[in-house]
Amino acid sequence: MKELFPAKQVNGFVFSLLLTVVALSVYFMDMSFELGMTILLVTAFIQAGVQLIIFMHAGESKDKGMIYTSLFYSIFIALVTIFGSLLAMVWGYM
C-alpha cells in the first residue's frame, strides 16, 4: 500500500502551500518594498522549481539533461530580453 500513496506529491503540495503562505505574508505584514520583493522573487522561483520537478516530473525521464538544458536556455533568453528592454527603454542606452 505504501507504493500506491503519492508521498512525494503530497509533500510537494504541502511545501507549495507553505510557500504561498510566505508570499501572502508579504501582503499582510508591513515591510519595506525591497524586502517584500526579495521574498516574493525567492518564493516564486522556488515554487516554479517545485512545480517543475515534482508535479511535471522533469527529472524522471531519460532525457532529463535535454529538459534542463532547454530550461536554462529559456531562462537565459528571458533574462536577456528583460534586461535588454530595461537597458533600452528605462536606463536610456540605445
C-alpha atoms as a PDB file:
ATOM      1  CA  MET A   1       0.000   0.000   0.000  1.00  0.00           C
ATOM      2  CA  LYS A   2       2.943   2.316   0.626  1.00  0.00           C
ATOM      3  CA  GLU A   3       3.912   2.295  -3.060  1.00  0.00           C
ATOM      4  CA  LEU A   4       0.405   3.450  -4.006  1.00  0.00           C
ATOM      5  CA  PHE A   5       0.472   6.569  -1.778  1.00  0.00           C
ATOM      6  CA  PRO A   6       1.963   9.582  -3.620  1.00  0.00           C
ATOM      7  CA  ALA A   7       4.100  10.821  -0.718  1.00  0.00           C
ATOM      8  CA  LYS A   8       6.359  12.911  -2.967  1.00  0.00           C
ATOM      9  CA  GLN A   9       3.381  14.760  -4.477  1.00  0.00           C
ATOM     10  CA  VAL A  10       1.735  15.312  -1.084  1.00  0.00           C
ATOM     11  CA  ASN A  11       4.977  16.721   0.343  1.00  0.00           C
ATOM     12  CA  GLY A  12       5.315  18.951  -2.738  1.00  0.00           C
ATOM     13  CA  PHE A  13       1.745  20.169  -2.305  1.00  0.00           C
ATOM     14  CA  VAL A  14       2.315  20.989   1.387  1.00  0.00           C
ATOM     15  CA  PHE A  15       5.567  22.782   0.512  1.00  0.00           C
ATOM     16  CA  SER A  16       3.732  24.750  -2.206  1.00  0.00           C
ATOM     17  CA  LEU A  17       1.087  25.781   0.309  1.00  0.00           C
ATOM     18  CA  LEU A  18       3.809  26.866   2.742  1.00  0.00           C
ATOM     19  CA  LEU A  19       5.478  28.964   0.038  1.00  0.00           C
ATOM     20  CA  THR A  20       2.111  30.530  -0.792  1.00  0.00           C
ATOM     21  CA  VAL A  21       1.567  31.442   2.874  1.00  0.00           C
ATOM     22  CA  VAL A  22       5.033  33.037   2.994  1.00  0.00           C
ATOM     23  CA  ALA A  23       4.251  35.041  -0.164  1.00  0.00           C
ATOM     24  CA  LEU A  24       0.881  36.125   1.227  1.00  0.00           C
ATOM     25  CA  SER A  25       2.532  37.252   4.444  1.00  0.00           C
ATOM     26  CA  VAL A  26       4.344  39.921   2.414  1.00  0.00           C
ATOM     27  CA  TYR A  27       0.962  41.484   1.692  1.00  0.00           C
ATOM     28  CA  PHE A  28      -0.303  41.378   5.252  1.00  0.00           C
ATOM     29  CA  MET A  29       2.898  42.450   7.042  1.00  0.00           C
ATOM     30  CA  ASP A  30       4.257  45.963   6.973  1.00  0.00           C
ATOM     31  CA  MET A  31       7.688  45.574   5.413  1.00  0.00           C
ATOM     32  CA  SER A  32       9.864  47.586   3.085  1.00  0.00           C
ATOM     33  CA  PHE A  33       9.479  47.326  -0.668  1.00  0.00           C
ATOM     34  CA  GLU A  34      12.935  45.825  -1.145  1.00  0.00           C
ATOM     35  CA  LEU A  35      12.404  43.105   1.468  1.00  0.00           C
ATOM     36  CA  GLY A  36       8.935  42.283   0.144  1.00  0.00           C
ATOM     37  CA  MET A  37      10.124  41.992  -3.451  1.00  0.00           C
ATOM     38  CA  THR A  38      13.083  39.849  -2.401  1.00  0.00           C
ATOM     39  CA  ILE A  39      10.813  37.447  -0.526  1.00  0.00           C
ATOM     40  CA  LEU A  40       8.342  37.313  -3.418  1.00  0.00           C
ATOM     41  CA  LEU A  41      11.039  36.633  -6.015  1.00  0.00           C
ATOM     42  CA  VAL A  42      12.694  33.904  -3.945  1.00  0.00           C
ATOM     43  CA  THR A  43       9.403  32.162  -3.189  1.00  0.00           C
ATOM     44  CA  ALA A  44       8.322  32.448  -6.848  1.00  0.00           C
ATOM     45  CA  PHE A  45      11.471  30.777  -8.153  1.00  0.00           C
ATOM     46  CA  ILE A  46      11.327  28.035  -5.524  1.00  0.00           C
ATOM     47  CA  GLN A  47       7.638  27.491  -6.312  1.00  0.00           C
ATOM     48  CA  ALA A  48       8.413  27.207 -10.030  1.00  0.00           C
ATOM     49  CA  GLY A  49      11.128  24.664  -9.277  1.00  0.00           C
ATOM     50  CA  VAL A  50       8.821  22.607  -7.078  1.00  0.00           C
ATOM     51  CA  GLN A  51       6.124  22.627  -9.751  1.00  0.00           C
ATOM     52  CA  LEU A  52       8.568  21.652 -12.494  1.00  0.00           C
ATOM     53  CA  ILE A  53      10.384  18.886 -10.652  1.00  0.00           C
ATOM     54  CA  ILE A  54       7.668  17.317  -8.516  1.00  0.00           C
ATOM     55  CA  PHE A  55       4.431  17.810 -10.441  1.00  0.00           C
ATOM     56  CA  MET A  56       5.690  17.900 -14.038  1.00  0.00           C
ATOM     57  CA  HIS A  57       8.233  15.092 -13.432  1.00  0.00           C
ATOM     58  CA  ALA A  58      11.056  16.929 -15.198  1.00  0.00           C
ATOM     59  CA  GLY A  59      13.865  14.807 -13.775  1.00  0.00           C
ATOM     60  CA  GLU A  60      12.279  11.389 -14.139  1.00  0.00           C
ATOM     61  CA  SER A  61      12.779  10.701 -17.842  1.00  0.00           C
ATOM     62  CA  LYS A  62      15.812   9.507 -19.779  1.00  0.00           C
ATOM     63  CA  ASP A  63      16.295  12.869 -21.485  1.00  0.00           C
ATOM     64  CA  LYS A  64      16.370  14.971 -18.316  1.00  0.00           C
ATOM     65  CA  GLY A  65      19.625  16.598 -19.436  1.00  0.00           C
ATOM     66  CA  MET A  66      17.902  17.970 -22.502  1.00  0.00           C
ATOM     67  CA  ILE A  67      14.940  19.186 -20.436  1.00  0.00           C
ATOM     68  CA  TYR A  68      17.196  21.071 -18.020  1.00  0.00           C
ATOM     69  CA  THR A  69      19.297  22.454 -20.881  1.00  0.00           C
ATOM     70  CA  SER A  70      16.144  23.808 -22.548  1.00  0.00           C
ATOM     71  CA  LEU A  71      15.004  25.274 -19.238  1.00  0.00           C
ATOM     72  CA  PHE A  72      18.306  27.078 -18.602  1.00  0.00           C
ATOM     73  CA  TYR A  73      18.393  28.332 -22.187  1.00  0.00           C
ATOM     74  CA  SER A  74      14.865  29.717 -21.952  1.00  0.00           C
ATOM     75  CA  ILE A  75      15.678  31.416 -18.630  1.00  0.00           C
ATOM     76  CA  PHE A  76      18.760  32.957 -20.270  1.00  0.00           C
ATOM     77  CA  ILE A  77      16.715  34.233 -23.233  1.00  0.00           C
ATOM     78  CA  ALA A  78      14.078  35.660 -20.885  1.00  0.00           C
ATOM     79  CA  LEU A  79      16.693  37.480 -18.808  1.00  0.00           C
ATOM     80  CA  VAL A  80      18.398  38.892 -21.911  1.00  0.00           C
ATOM     81  CA  THR A  81      15.020  40.115 -23.201  1.00  0.00           C
ATOM     82  CA  ILE A  82      14.049  41.688 -19.870  1.00  0.00           C
ATOM     83  CA  PHE A  83      17.374  43.384 -19.198  1.00  0.00           C
ATOM     84  CA  GLY A  84      17.745  44.414 -22.846  1.00  0.00           C
ATOM     85  CA  SER A  85      14.343  46.079 -22.691  1.00  0.00           C
ATOM     86  CA  LEU A  86      15.236  47.810 -19.435  1.00  0.00           C
ATOM     87  CA  LEU A  87      18.542  48.914 -20.898  1.00  0.00           C
ATOM     88  CA  ALA A  88      16.900  50.456 -23.952  1.00  0.00           C
ATOM     89  CA  MET A  89      13.687  51.872 -22.525  1.00  0.00           C
ATOM     90  CA  VAL A  90      14.307  52.721 -18.876  1.00  0.00           C
ATOM     91  CA  TRP A  91      18.003  53.288 -18.469  1.00  0.00           C
ATOM     92  CA  GLY A  92      18.326  55.245 -21.728  1.00  0.00           C
ATOM     93  CA  TYR A  93      21.074  53.299 -23.507  1.00  0.00           C
ATOM     94  CA  MET A  94      20.423  52.832 -27.213  1.00  0.00           C
END
